[in-house]
Amino acid sequence: MRKVRPEELPALLEQGVRVVDVRPPDRRQTPLPFPAEWIPMERIQKGEHGLPKAPLLLVCEKGLLSQVAALYLEAEGYEVMSLEGGLLALTGGK
């Protein structure tokens, strides 16, 4: 799993990387500053996500949950990345 630094995000978005938000429902009040598909961690753990075998960038609040989800997807043969520091790193912790 590759960790993506926040400053790398614009280039990845421009390249059309598919972004997956793995936050639980109660953590999704903060809107994302980019388009993303919401697939909660529980569905990824169960293999019930239906994601295509394309490069994926996983995001969550602090970057920890997305790393765990990335490990599950890597075990299924996916090419996955995780946003280092999560969404808080994009907003400076706000």
PDB file of N, CA and C in Angstrom:
ATOM      1  N   MET A   1       0.846  -1.181   0.000  1.00  0.00           N
ATOM      2  CA  MET A   1       0.000   0.000   0.000  1.00  0.00           C
ATOM      3  C   MET A   1       0.888   1.240   0.000  1.00  0.00           C
ATOM      4  N   ARG A   2       0.581   2.114  -0.888  1.00  0.00           N
ATOM      5  CA  ARG A   2       1.316   3.367  -0.980  1.00  0.00           C
ATOM      6  C   ARG A   2       0.581   4.430  -0.177  1.00  0.00           C
ATOM      7  N   LYS A   3       1.330   5.185   0.617  1.00  0.00           N
ATOM      8  CA  LYS A   3       0.741   6.316   1.342  1.00  0.00           C
ATOM      9  C   LYS A   3       0.940   7.563   0.493  1.00  0.00           C
ATOM     10  N   VAL A   4      -0.153   8.279   0.273  1.00  0.00           N
ATOM     11  CA  VAL A   4      -0.137   9.482  -0.550  1.00  0.00           C
ATOM     12  C   VAL A   4      -0.086  10.699   0.355  1.00  0.00           C
ATOM     13  N   ARG A   5       0.889  11.551   0.124  1.00  0.00           N
ATOM     14  CA  ARG A   5       0.968  12.799   0.886  1.00  0.00           C
ATOM     15  C   ARG A   5      -0.088  13.769   0.363  1.00  0.00           C
ATOM     16  N   PRO A   6      -0.628  14.634   1.216  1.00  0.00           N
ATOM     17  CA  PRO A   6      -1.669  15.570   0.791  1.00  0.00           C
ATOM     18  C   PRO A   6      -1.287  16.391  -0.450  1.00  0.00           C
ATOM     19  N   GLU A   7      -0.014  16.753  -0.570  1.00  0.00           N
ATOM     20  CA  GLU A   7       0.399  17.564  -1.727  1.00  0.00           C
ATOM     21  C   GLU A   7       0.382  16.769  -3.040  1.00  0.00           C
ATOM     22  N   GLU A   8       0.334  15.441  -2.956  1.00  0.00           N
ATOM     23  CA  GLU A   8       0.244  14.603  -4.157  1.00  0.00           C
ATOM     24  C   GLU A   8      -1.198  14.453  -4.653  1.00  0.00           C
ATOM     25  N   LEU A   9      -2.145  14.775  -3.808  1.00  0.00           N
ATOM     26  CA  LEU A   9      -3.557  14.538  -4.108  1.00  0.00           C
ATOM     27  C   LEU A   9      -4.054  15.234  -5.381  1.00  0.00           C
ATOM     28  N   PRO A  10      -3.763  16.526  -5.600  1.00  0.00           N
ATOM     29  CA  PRO A  10      -4.277  17.170  -6.810  1.00  0.00           C
ATOM     30  C   PRO A  10      -3.878  16.452  -8.099  1.00  0.00           C
ATOM     31  N   ALA A  11      -2.639  16.022  -8.200  1.00  0.00           N
ATOM     32  CA  ALA A  11      -2.186  15.326  -9.417  1.00  0.00           C
ATOM     33  C   ALA A  11      -2.913  14.003  -9.594  1.00  0.00           C
ATOM     34  N   LEU A  12      -3.133  13.271  -8.511  1.00  0.00           N
ATOM     35  CA  LEU A  12      -3.857  11.997  -8.598  1.00  0.00           C
ATOM     36  C   LEU A  12      -5.300  12.217  -9.021  1.00  0.00           C
ATOM     37  N   LEU A  13      -5.936  13.243  -8.473  1.00  0.00           N
ATOM     38  CA  LEU A  13      -7.318  13.549  -8.846  1.00  0.00           C
ATOM     39  C   LEU A  13      -7.399  13.931 -10.320  1.00  0.00           C
ATOM     40  N   GLU A  14      -6.418  14.686 -10.784  1.00  0.00           N
ATOM     41  CA  GLU A  14      -6.386  15.084 -12.190  1.00  0.00           C
ATOM     42  C   GLU A  14      -6.212  13.869 -13.104  1.00  0.00           C
ATOM     43  N   GLN A  15      -5.473  12.875 -12.626  1.00  0.00           N
ATOM     44  CA  GLN A  15      -5.273  11.644 -13.400  1.00  0.00           C
ATOM     45  C   GLN A  15      -6.510  10.748 -13.372  1.00  0.00           C
ATOM     46  N   GLY A  16      -7.473  11.100 -12.538  1.00  0.00           N
ATOM     47  CA  GLY A  16      -8.716  10.346 -12.495  1.00  0.00           C
ATOM     48  C   GLY A  16      -8.718   9.157 -11.561  1.00  0.00           C
ATOM     49  N   VAL A  17      -7.859   9.172 -10.534  1.00  0.00           N
ATOM     50  CA  VAL A  17      -7.857   8.070  -9.572  1.00  0.00           C
ATOM     51  C   VAL A  17      -9.237   7.980  -8.916  1.00  0.00           C
ATOM     52  N   ARG A  18      -9.660   6.776  -8.666  1.00  0.00           N
ATOM     53  CA  ARG A  18     -10.958   6.559  -8.021  1.00  0.00           C
ATOM     54  C   ARG A  18     -10.773   6.683  -6.510  1.00  0.00           C
ATOM     55  N   VAL A  19     -11.536   7.580  -5.894  1.00  0.00           N
ATOM     56  CA  VAL A  19     -11.432   7.837  -4.452  1.00  0.00           C
ATOM     57  C   VAL A  19     -12.576   7.134  -3.745  1.00  0.00           C
ATOM     58  N   VAL A  20     -12.223   6.433  -2.656  1.00  0.00           N
ATOM     59  CA  VAL A  20     -13.212   5.713  -1.866  1.00  0.00           C
ATOM     60  C   VAL A  20     -13.130   6.205  -0.423  1.00  0.00           C
ATOM     61  N   ASP A  21     -14.243   6.698   0.075  1.00  0.00           N
ATOM     62  CA  ASP A  21     -14.374   7.173   1.453  1.00  0.00           C
ATOM     63  C   ASP A  21     -14.806   5.982   2.309  1.00  0.00           C
ATOM     64  N   VAL A  22     -13.977   5.582   3.266  1.00  0.00           N
ATOM     65  CA  VAL A  22     -14.278   4.406   4.097  1.00  0.00           C
ATOM     66  C   VAL A  22     -14.763   4.783   5.499  1.00  0.00           C
ATOM     67  N   ARG A  23     -15.077   6.050   5.707  1.00  0.00           N
ATOM     68  CA  ARG A  23     -15.526   6.489   7.035  1.00  0.00           C
ATOM     69  C   ARG A  23     -16.869   5.862   7.396  1.00  0.00           C
ATOM     70  N   PRO A  24     -17.066   5.577   8.690  1.00  0.00           N
ATOM     71  CA  PRO A  24     -18.373   5.085   9.122  1.00  0.00           C
ATOM     72  C   PRO A  24     -19.418   6.192   8.992  1.00  0.00           C
ATOM     73  N   PRO A  25     -20.696   5.827   8.941  1.00  0.00           N
ATOM     74  CA  PRO A  25     -21.754   6.829   8.733  1.00  0.00           C
ATOM     75  C   PRO A  25     -21.701   8.009   9.697  1.00  0.00           C
ATOM     76  N   ASP A  26     -21.385   7.761  10.961  1.00  0.00           N
ATOM     77  CA  ASP A  26     -21.388   8.846  11.941  1.00  0.00           C
ATOM     78  C   ASP A  26     -20.205   9.804  11.791  1.00  0.00           C
ATOM     79  N   ARG A  27     -19.258   9.494  10.930  1.00  0.00           N
ATOM     80  CA  ARG A  27     -18.090  10.355  10.695  1.00  0.00           C
ATOM     81  C   ARG A  27     -18.164  11.083   9.358  1.00  0.00           C
ATOM     82  N   ARG A  28     -19.292  10.996   8.679  1.00  0.00           N
ATOM     83  CA  ARG A  28     -19.390  11.545   7.334  1.00  0.00           C
ATOM     84  C   ARG A  28     -20.038  12.930   7.283  1.00  0.00           C
ATOM     85  N   GLN A  29     -20.092  13.629   8.404  1.00  0.00           N
ATOM     86  CA  GLN A  29     -20.697  14.961   8.396  1.00  0.00           C
ATOM     87  C   GLN A  29     -19.832  15.947   7.604  1.00  0.00           C
ATOM     88  N   THR A  30     -18.533  15.759   7.648  1.00  0.00           N
ATOM     89  CA  THR A  30     -17.625  16.643   6.934  1.00  0.00           C
ATOM     90  C   THR A  30     -17.644  16.295   5.452  1.00  0.00           C
ATOM     91  N   PRO A  31     -18.052  17.231   4.600  1.00  0.00           N
ATOM     92  CA  PRO A  31     -18.061  16.940   3.163  1.00  0.00           C
ATOM     93  C   PRO A  31     -16.631  16.855   2.619  1.00  0.00           C
ATOM     94  N   LEU A  32     -16.472  16.071   1.579  1.00  0.00           N
ATOM     95  CA  LEU A  32     -15.162  15.934   0.959  1.00  0.00           C
ATOM     96  C   LEU A  32     -14.953  17.038  -0.072  1.00  0.00           C
ATOM     97  N   PRO A  33     -13.716  17.495  -0.224  1.00  0.00           N
ATOM     98  CA  PRO A  33     -13.432  18.551  -1.206  1.00  0.00           C
ATOM     99  C   PRO A  33     -13.215  17.995  -2.619  1.00  0.00           C
ATOM    100  N   PHE A  34     -13.581  16.739  -2.843  1.00  0.00           N
ATOM    101  CA  PHE A  34     -13.421  16.088  -4.144  1.00  0.00           C
ATOM    102  C   PHE A  34     -14.435  14.961  -4.230  1.00  0.00           C
ATOM    103  N   PRO A  35     -14.760  14.515  -5.451  1.00  0.00           N
ATOM    104  CA  PRO A  35     -15.733  13.426  -5.587  1.00  0.00           C
ATOM    105  C   PRO A  35     -15.172  12.111  -5.043  1.00  0.00           C
ATOM    106  N   ALA A  36     -16.018  11.363  -4.368  1.00  0.00           N
ATOM    107  CA  ALA A  36     -15.606  10.065  -3.823  1.00  0.00           C
ATOM    108  C   ALA A  36     -16.830   9.162  -3.698  1.00  0.00           C
ATOM    109  N   GLU A  37     -16.573   7.894  -3.764  1.00  0.00           N
ATOM    110  CA  GLU A  37     -17.615   6.896  -3.546  1.00  0.00           C
ATOM    111  C   GLU A  37     -17.531   6.460  -2.090  1.00  0.00           C
ATOM    112  N   TRP A  38     -18.672   6.350  -1.432  1.00  0.00           N
ATOM    113  CA  TRP A  38     -18.668   5.940  -0.025  1.00  0.00           C
ATOM    114  C   TRP A  38     -18.909   4.443   0.070  1.00  0.00           C
ATOM    115  N   ILE A  39     -17.932   3.754   0.610  1.00  0.00           N
ATOM    116  CA  ILE A  39     -18.064   2.322   0.894  1.00  0.00           C
ATOM    117  C   ILE A  39     -17.514   2.114   2.301  1.00  0.00           C
ATOM    118  N   PRO A  40     -18.384   1.875   3.283  1.00  0.00           N
ATOM    119  CA  PRO A  40     -17.899   1.737   4.660  1.00  0.00           C
ATOM    120  C   PRO A  40     -16.985   0.526   4.828  1.00  0.00           C
ATOM    121  N   MET A  41     -16.109   0.645   5.777  1.00  0.00           N
ATOM    122  CA  MET A  41     -15.114  -0.379   6.080  1.00  0.00           C
ATOM    123  C   MET A  41     -15.730  -1.771   6.221  1.00  0.00           C
ATOM    124  N   GLU A  42     -16.895  -1.860   6.838  1.00  0.00           N
ATOM    125  CA  GLU A  42     -17.526  -3.164   7.076  1.00  0.00           C
ATOM    126  C   GLU A  42     -17.771  -3.913   5.768  1.00  0.00           C
ATOM    127  N   ARG A  43     -18.178  -3.179   4.735  1.00  0.00           N
ATOM    128  CA  ARG A  43     -18.426  -3.818   3.425  1.00  0.00           C
ATOM    129  C   ARG A  43     -17.121  -4.278   2.789  1.00  0.00           C
ATOM    130  N   ILE A  44     -16.066  -3.512   2.985  1.00  0.00           N
ATOM    131  CA  ILE A  44     -14.762  -3.904   2.440  1.00  0.00           C
ATOM    132  C   ILE A  44     -14.274  -5.157   3.154  1.00  0.00           C
ATOM    133  N   GLN A  45     -14.415  -5.199   4.470  1.00  0.00           N
ATOM    134  CA  GLN A  45     -14.000  -6.377   5.242  1.00  0.00           C
ATOM    135  C   GLN A  45     -14.716  -7.638   4.773  1.00  0.00           C
ATOM    136  N   LYS A  46     -15.992  -7.504   4.435  1.00  0.00           N
ATOM    137  CA  LYS A  46     -16.792  -8.655   4.016  1.00  0.00           C
ATOM    138  C   LYS A  46     -16.627  -8.970   2.532  1.00  0.00           C
ATOM    139  N   GLY A  47     -15.875  -8.132   1.795  1.00  0.00           N
ATOM    140  CA  GLY A  47     -15.723  -8.328   0.369  1.00  0.00           C
ATOM    141  C   GLY A  47     -16.964  -7.954  -0.415  1.00  0.00           C
ATOM    142  N   GLU A  48     -17.830  -7.124   0.164  1.00  0.00           N
ATOM    143  CA  GLU A  48     -19.096  -6.728  -0.451  1.00  0.00           C
ATOM    144  C   GLU A  48     -19.025  -5.294  -0.976  1.00  0.00           C
ATOM    145  N   HIS A  49     -17.949  -4.974  -1.653  1.00  0.00           N
ATOM    146  CA  HIS A  49     -17.742  -3.593  -2.090  1.00  0.00           C
ATOM    147  C   HIS A  49     -17.986  -3.375  -3.576  1.00  0.00           C
ATOM    148  N   GLY A  50     -17.818  -4.366  -4.410  1.00  0.00           N
ATOM    149  CA  GLY A  50     -18.074  -4.239  -5.843  1.00  0.00           C
ATOM    150  C   GLY A  50     -17.147  -3.286  -6.577  1.00  0.00           C
ATOM    151  N   LEU A  51     -15.956  -3.060  -6.043  1.00  0.00           N
ATOM    152  CA  LEU A  51     -15.024  -2.128  -6.678  1.00  0.00           C
ATOM    153  C   LEU A  51     -14.326  -2.771  -7.876  1.00  0.00           C
ATOM    154  N   PRO A  52     -14.079  -1.967  -8.919  1.00  0.00           N
ATOM    155  CA  PRO A  52     -13.340  -2.493 -10.071  1.00  0.00           C
ATOM    156  C   PRO A  52     -11.855  -2.599  -9.739  1.00  0.00           C
ATOM    157  N   LYS A  53     -11.152  -3.411 -10.490  1.00  0.00           N
ATOM    158  CA  LYS A  53      -9.708  -3.581 -10.272  1.00  0.00           C
ATOM    159  C   LYS A  53      -8.955  -2.427 -10.929  1.00  0.00           C
ATOM    160  N   ALA A  54      -9.175  -1.242 -10.418  1.00  0.00           N
ATOM    161  CA  ALA A  54      -8.501  -0.029 -10.879  1.00  0.00           C
ATOM    162  C   ALA A  54      -7.773   0.565  -9.679  1.00  0.00           C
ATOM    163  N   PRO A  55      -6.779   1.423  -9.903  1.00  0.00           N
ATOM    164  CA  PRO A  55      -6.109   2.057  -8.764  1.00  0.00           C
ATOM    165  C   PRO A  55      -7.121   2.822  -7.911  1.00  0.00           C
ATOM    166  N   LEU A  56      -7.020   2.628  -6.600  1.00  0.00           N
ATOM    167  CA  LEU A  56      -7.959   3.243  -5.661  1.00  0.00           C
ATOM    168  C   LEU A  56      -7.202   4.067  -4.630  1.00  0.00           C
ATOM    169  N   LEU A  57      -7.775   5.194  -4.272  1.00  0.00           N
ATOM    170  CA  LEU A  57      -7.254   6.000  -3.174  1.00  0.00           C
ATOM    171  C   LEU A  57      -8.300   5.984  -2.081  1.00  0.00           C
ATOM    172  N   LEU A  58      -7.940   5.431  -0.924  1.00  0.00           N
ATOM    173  CA  LEU A  58      -8.866   5.343   0.196  1.00  0.00           C
ATOM    174  C   LEU A  58      -8.634   6.511   1.149  1.00  0.00           C
ATOM    175  N   VAL A  59      -9.734   7.075   1.636  1.00  0.00           N
ATOM    176  CA  VAL A  59      -9.635   8.203   2.567  1.00  0.00           C
ATOM    177  C   VAL A  59     -10.529   7.968   3.781  1.00  0.00           C
ATOM    178  N   CYS A  60     -10.100   8.530   4.904  1.00  0.00           N
ATOM    179  CA  CYS A  60     -10.887   8.523   6.135  1.00  0.00           C
ATOM    180  C   CYS A  60     -10.482   9.763   6.921  1.00  0.00           C
ATOM    181  N   GLU A  61     -10.937   9.874   8.135  1.00  0.00           N
ATOM    182  CA  GLU A  61     -10.689  11.071   8.937  1.00  0.00           C
ATOM    183  C   GLU A  61      -9.203  11.297   9.236  1.00  0.00           C
ATOM    184  N   LYS A  62      -8.524  10.270   9.759  1.00  0.00           N
ATOM    185  CA  LYS A  62      -7.131  10.428  10.194  1.00  0.00           C
ATOM    186  C   LYS A  62      -6.136   9.584   9.411  1.00  0.00           C
ATOM    187  N   GLY A  63      -6.612   8.755   8.498  1.00  0.00           N
ATOM    188  CA  GLY A  63      -5.712   7.944   7.694  1.00  0.00           C
ATOM    189  C   GLY A  63      -5.499   6.536   8.210  1.00  0.00           C
ATOM    190  N   LEU A  64      -6.022   6.223   9.387  1.00  0.00           N
ATOM    191  CA  LEU A  64      -5.803   4.889   9.964  1.00  0.00           C
ATOM    192  C   LEU A  64      -6.777   3.858   9.400  1.00  0.00           C
ATOM    193  N   LEU A  65      -8.041   4.194   9.368  1.00  0.00           N
ATOM    194  CA  LEU A  65      -9.047   3.273   8.857  1.00  0.00           C
ATOM    195  C   LEU A  65      -8.807   2.972   7.379  1.00  0.00           C
ATOM    196  N   SER A  66      -8.381   3.980   6.631  1.00  0.00           N
ATOM    197  CA  SER A  66      -8.119   3.765   5.206  1.00  0.00           C
ATOM    198  C   SER A  66      -6.933   2.822   5.006  1.00  0.00           C
ATOM    199  N   GLN A  67      -5.961   2.859   5.902  1.00  0.00           N
ATOM    200  CA  GLN A  67      -4.828   1.935   5.795  1.00  0.00           C
ATOM    201  C   GLN A  67      -5.278   0.500   6.047  1.00  0.00           C
ATOM    202  N   VAL A  68      -6.136   0.300   7.019  1.00  0.00           N
ATOM    203  CA  VAL A  68      -6.649  -1.048   7.304  1.00  0.00           C
ATOM    204  C   VAL A  68      -7.477  -1.550   6.124  1.00  0.00           C
ATOM    205  N   ALA A  69      -8.347  -0.691   5.598  1.00  0.00           N
ATOM    206  CA  ALA A  69      -9.159  -1.066   4.442  1.00  0.00           C
ATOM    207  C   ALA A  69      -8.262  -1.395   3.254  1.00  0.00           C
ATOM    208  N   ALA A  70      -7.189  -0.648   3.091  1.00  0.00           N
ATOM    209  CA  ALA A  70      -6.250  -0.902   1.987  1.00  0.00           C
ATOM    210  C   ALA A  70      -5.632  -2.294   2.107  1.00  0.00           C
ATOM    211  N   LEU A  71      -5.337  -2.725   3.306  1.00  0.00           N
ATOM    212  CA  LEU A  71      -4.765  -4.068   3.498  1.00  0.00           C
ATOM    213  C   LEU A  71      -5.746  -5.148   3.063  1.00  0.00           C
ATOM    214  N   TYR A  72      -7.015  -4.965   3.380  1.00  0.00           N
ATOM    215  CA  TYR A  72      -8.036  -5.924   2.942  1.00  0.00           C
ATOM    216  C   TYR A  72      -8.094  -5.987   1.415  1.00  0.00           C
ATOM    217  N   LEU A  73      -8.103  -4.814   0.786  1.00  0.00           N
ATOM    218  CA  LEU A  73      -8.204  -4.772  -0.675  1.00  0.00           C
ATOM    219  C   LEU A  73      -6.935  -5.295  -1.342  1.00  0.00           C
ATOM    220  N   GLU A  74      -5.781  -5.014  -0.756  1.00  0.00           N
ATOM    221  CA  GLU A  74      -4.527  -5.561  -1.292  1.00  0.00           C
ATOM    222  C   GLU A  74      -4.550  -7.082  -1.272  1.00  0.00           C
ATOM    223  N   ALA A  75      -5.106  -7.645  -0.226  1.00  0.00           N
ATOM    224  CA  ALA A  75      -5.206  -9.101  -0.120  1.00  0.00           C
ATOM    225  C   ALA A  75      -6.079  -9.672  -1.237  1.00  0.00           C
ATOM    226  N   GLU A  76      -6.975  -8.837  -1.786  1.00  0.00           N
ATOM    227  CA  GLU A  76      -7.833  -9.252  -2.899  1.00  0.00           C
ATOM    228  C   GLU A  76      -7.188  -8.935  -4.251  1.00  0.00           C
ATOM    229  N   GLY A  77      -5.979  -8.370  -4.232  1.00  0.00           N
ATOM    230  CA  GLY A  77      -5.270  -8.086  -5.474  1.00  0.00           C
ATOM    231  C   GLY A  77      -5.435  -6.690  -6.028  1.00  0.00           C
ATOM    232  N   TYR A  78      -5.955  -5.768  -5.224  1.00  0.00           N
ATOM    233  CA  TYR A  78      -6.152  -4.396  -5.673  1.00  0.00           C
ATOM    234  C   TYR A  78      -4.877  -3.575  -5.523  1.00  0.00           C
ATOM    235  N   GLU A  79      -4.750  -2.555  -6.390  1.00  0.00           N
ATOM    236  CA  GLU A  79      -3.707  -1.548  -6.241  1.00  0.00           C
ATOM    237  C   GLU A  79      -4.337  -0.404  -5.457  1.00  0.00           C
ATOM    238  N   VAL A  80      -3.887  -0.215  -4.216  1.00  0.00           N
ATOM    239  CA  VAL A  80      -4.531   0.773  -3.351  1.00  0.00           C
ATOM    240  C   VAL A  80      -3.533   1.742  -2.748  1.00  0.00           C
ATOM    241  N   MET A  81      -4.046   2.931  -2.475  1.00  0.00           N
ATOM    242  CA  MET A  81      -3.283   3.981  -1.817  1.00  0.00           C
ATOM    243  C   MET A  81      -4.133   4.506  -0.669  1.00  0.00           C
ATOM    244  N   SER A  82      -3.464   5.088   0.314  1.00  0.00           N
ATOM    245  CA  SER A  82      -4.149   5.671   1.463  1.00  0.00           C
ATOM    246  C   SER A  82      -3.642   7.096   1.641  1.00  0.00           C
ATOM    247  N   LEU A  83      -4.565   8.012   1.911  1.00  0.00           N
ATOM    248  CA  LEU A  83      -4.176   9.405   2.129  1.00  0.00           C
ATOM    249  C   LEU A  83      -3.517   9.537   3.498  1.00  0.00           C
ATOM    250  N   GLU A  84      -2.251   9.852   3.488  1.00  0.00           N
ATOM    251  CA  GLU A  84      -1.472   9.967   4.724  1.00  0.00           C
ATOM    252  C   GLU A  84      -2.014  11.102   5.594  1.00  0.00           C
ATOM    253  N   GLY A  85      -2.342  10.801   6.837  1.00  0.00           N
ATOM    254  CA  GLY A  85      -2.899  11.803   7.747  1.00  0.00           C
ATOM    255  C   GLY A  85      -4.386  12.022   7.565  1.00  0.00           C
ATOM    256  N   GLY A  86      -4.967  11.374   6.574  1.00  0.00           N
ATOM    257  CA  GLY A  86      -6.402  11.454   6.330  1.00  0.00           C
ATOM    258  C   GLY A  86      -6.887  12.836   5.941  1.00  0.00           C
ATOM    259  N   LEU A  87      -8.184  13.011   6.045  1.00  0.00           N
ATOM    260  CA  LEU A  87      -8.810  14.274   5.662  1.00  0.00           C
ATOM    261  C   LEU A  87      -8.363  15.417   6.571  1.00  0.00           C
ATOM    262  N   LEU A  88      -8.000  15.092   7.795  1.00  0.00           N
ATOM    263  CA  LEU A  88      -7.534  16.144   8.710  1.00  0.00           C
ATOM    264  C   LEU A  88      -6.238  16.783   8.196  1.00  0.00           C
ATOM    265  N   ALA A  89      -5.429  16.014   7.480  1.00  0.00           N
ATOM    266  CA  ALA A  89      -4.192  16.555   6.931  1.00  0.00           C
ATOM    267  C   ALA A  89      -4.468  17.595   5.838  1.00  0.00           C
ATOM    268  N   LEU A  90      -5.624  17.458   5.178  1.00  0.00           N
ATOM    269  CA  LEU A  90      -5.986  18.429   4.132  1.00  0.00           C
ATOM    270  C   LEU A  90      -6.476  19.734   4.722  1.00  0.00           C
ATOM    271  N   THR A  91      -7.081  19.667   5.893  1.00  0.00           N
ATOM    272  CA  THR A  91      -7.652  20.861   6.508  1.00  0.00           C
ATOM    273  C   THR A  91      -6.788  21.422   7.622  1.00  0.00           C
ATOM    274  N   GLY A  92      -5.613  20.861   7.787  1.00  0.00           N
ATOM    275  CA  GLY A  92      -4.733  21.336   8.852  1.00  0.00           C
ATOM    276  C   GLY A  92      -5.228  20.960  10.233  1.00  0.00           C
ATOM    277  N   GLY A  93      -5.970  19.845  10.324  1.00  0.00           N
ATOM    278  CA  GLY A  93      -6.444  19.346  11.611  1.00  0.00           C
ATOM    279  C   GLY A  93      -7.724  19.985  12.096  1.00  0.00           C
ATOM    280  N   LYS A  94      -8.406  20.731  11.233  1.00  0.00           N
ATOM    281  CA  LYS A  94      -9.644  21.417  11.650  1.00  0.00           C
ATOM    282  C   LYS A  94     -10.847  20.573  11.380  1.00  0.00           C
TER     283      LYS A  94
END
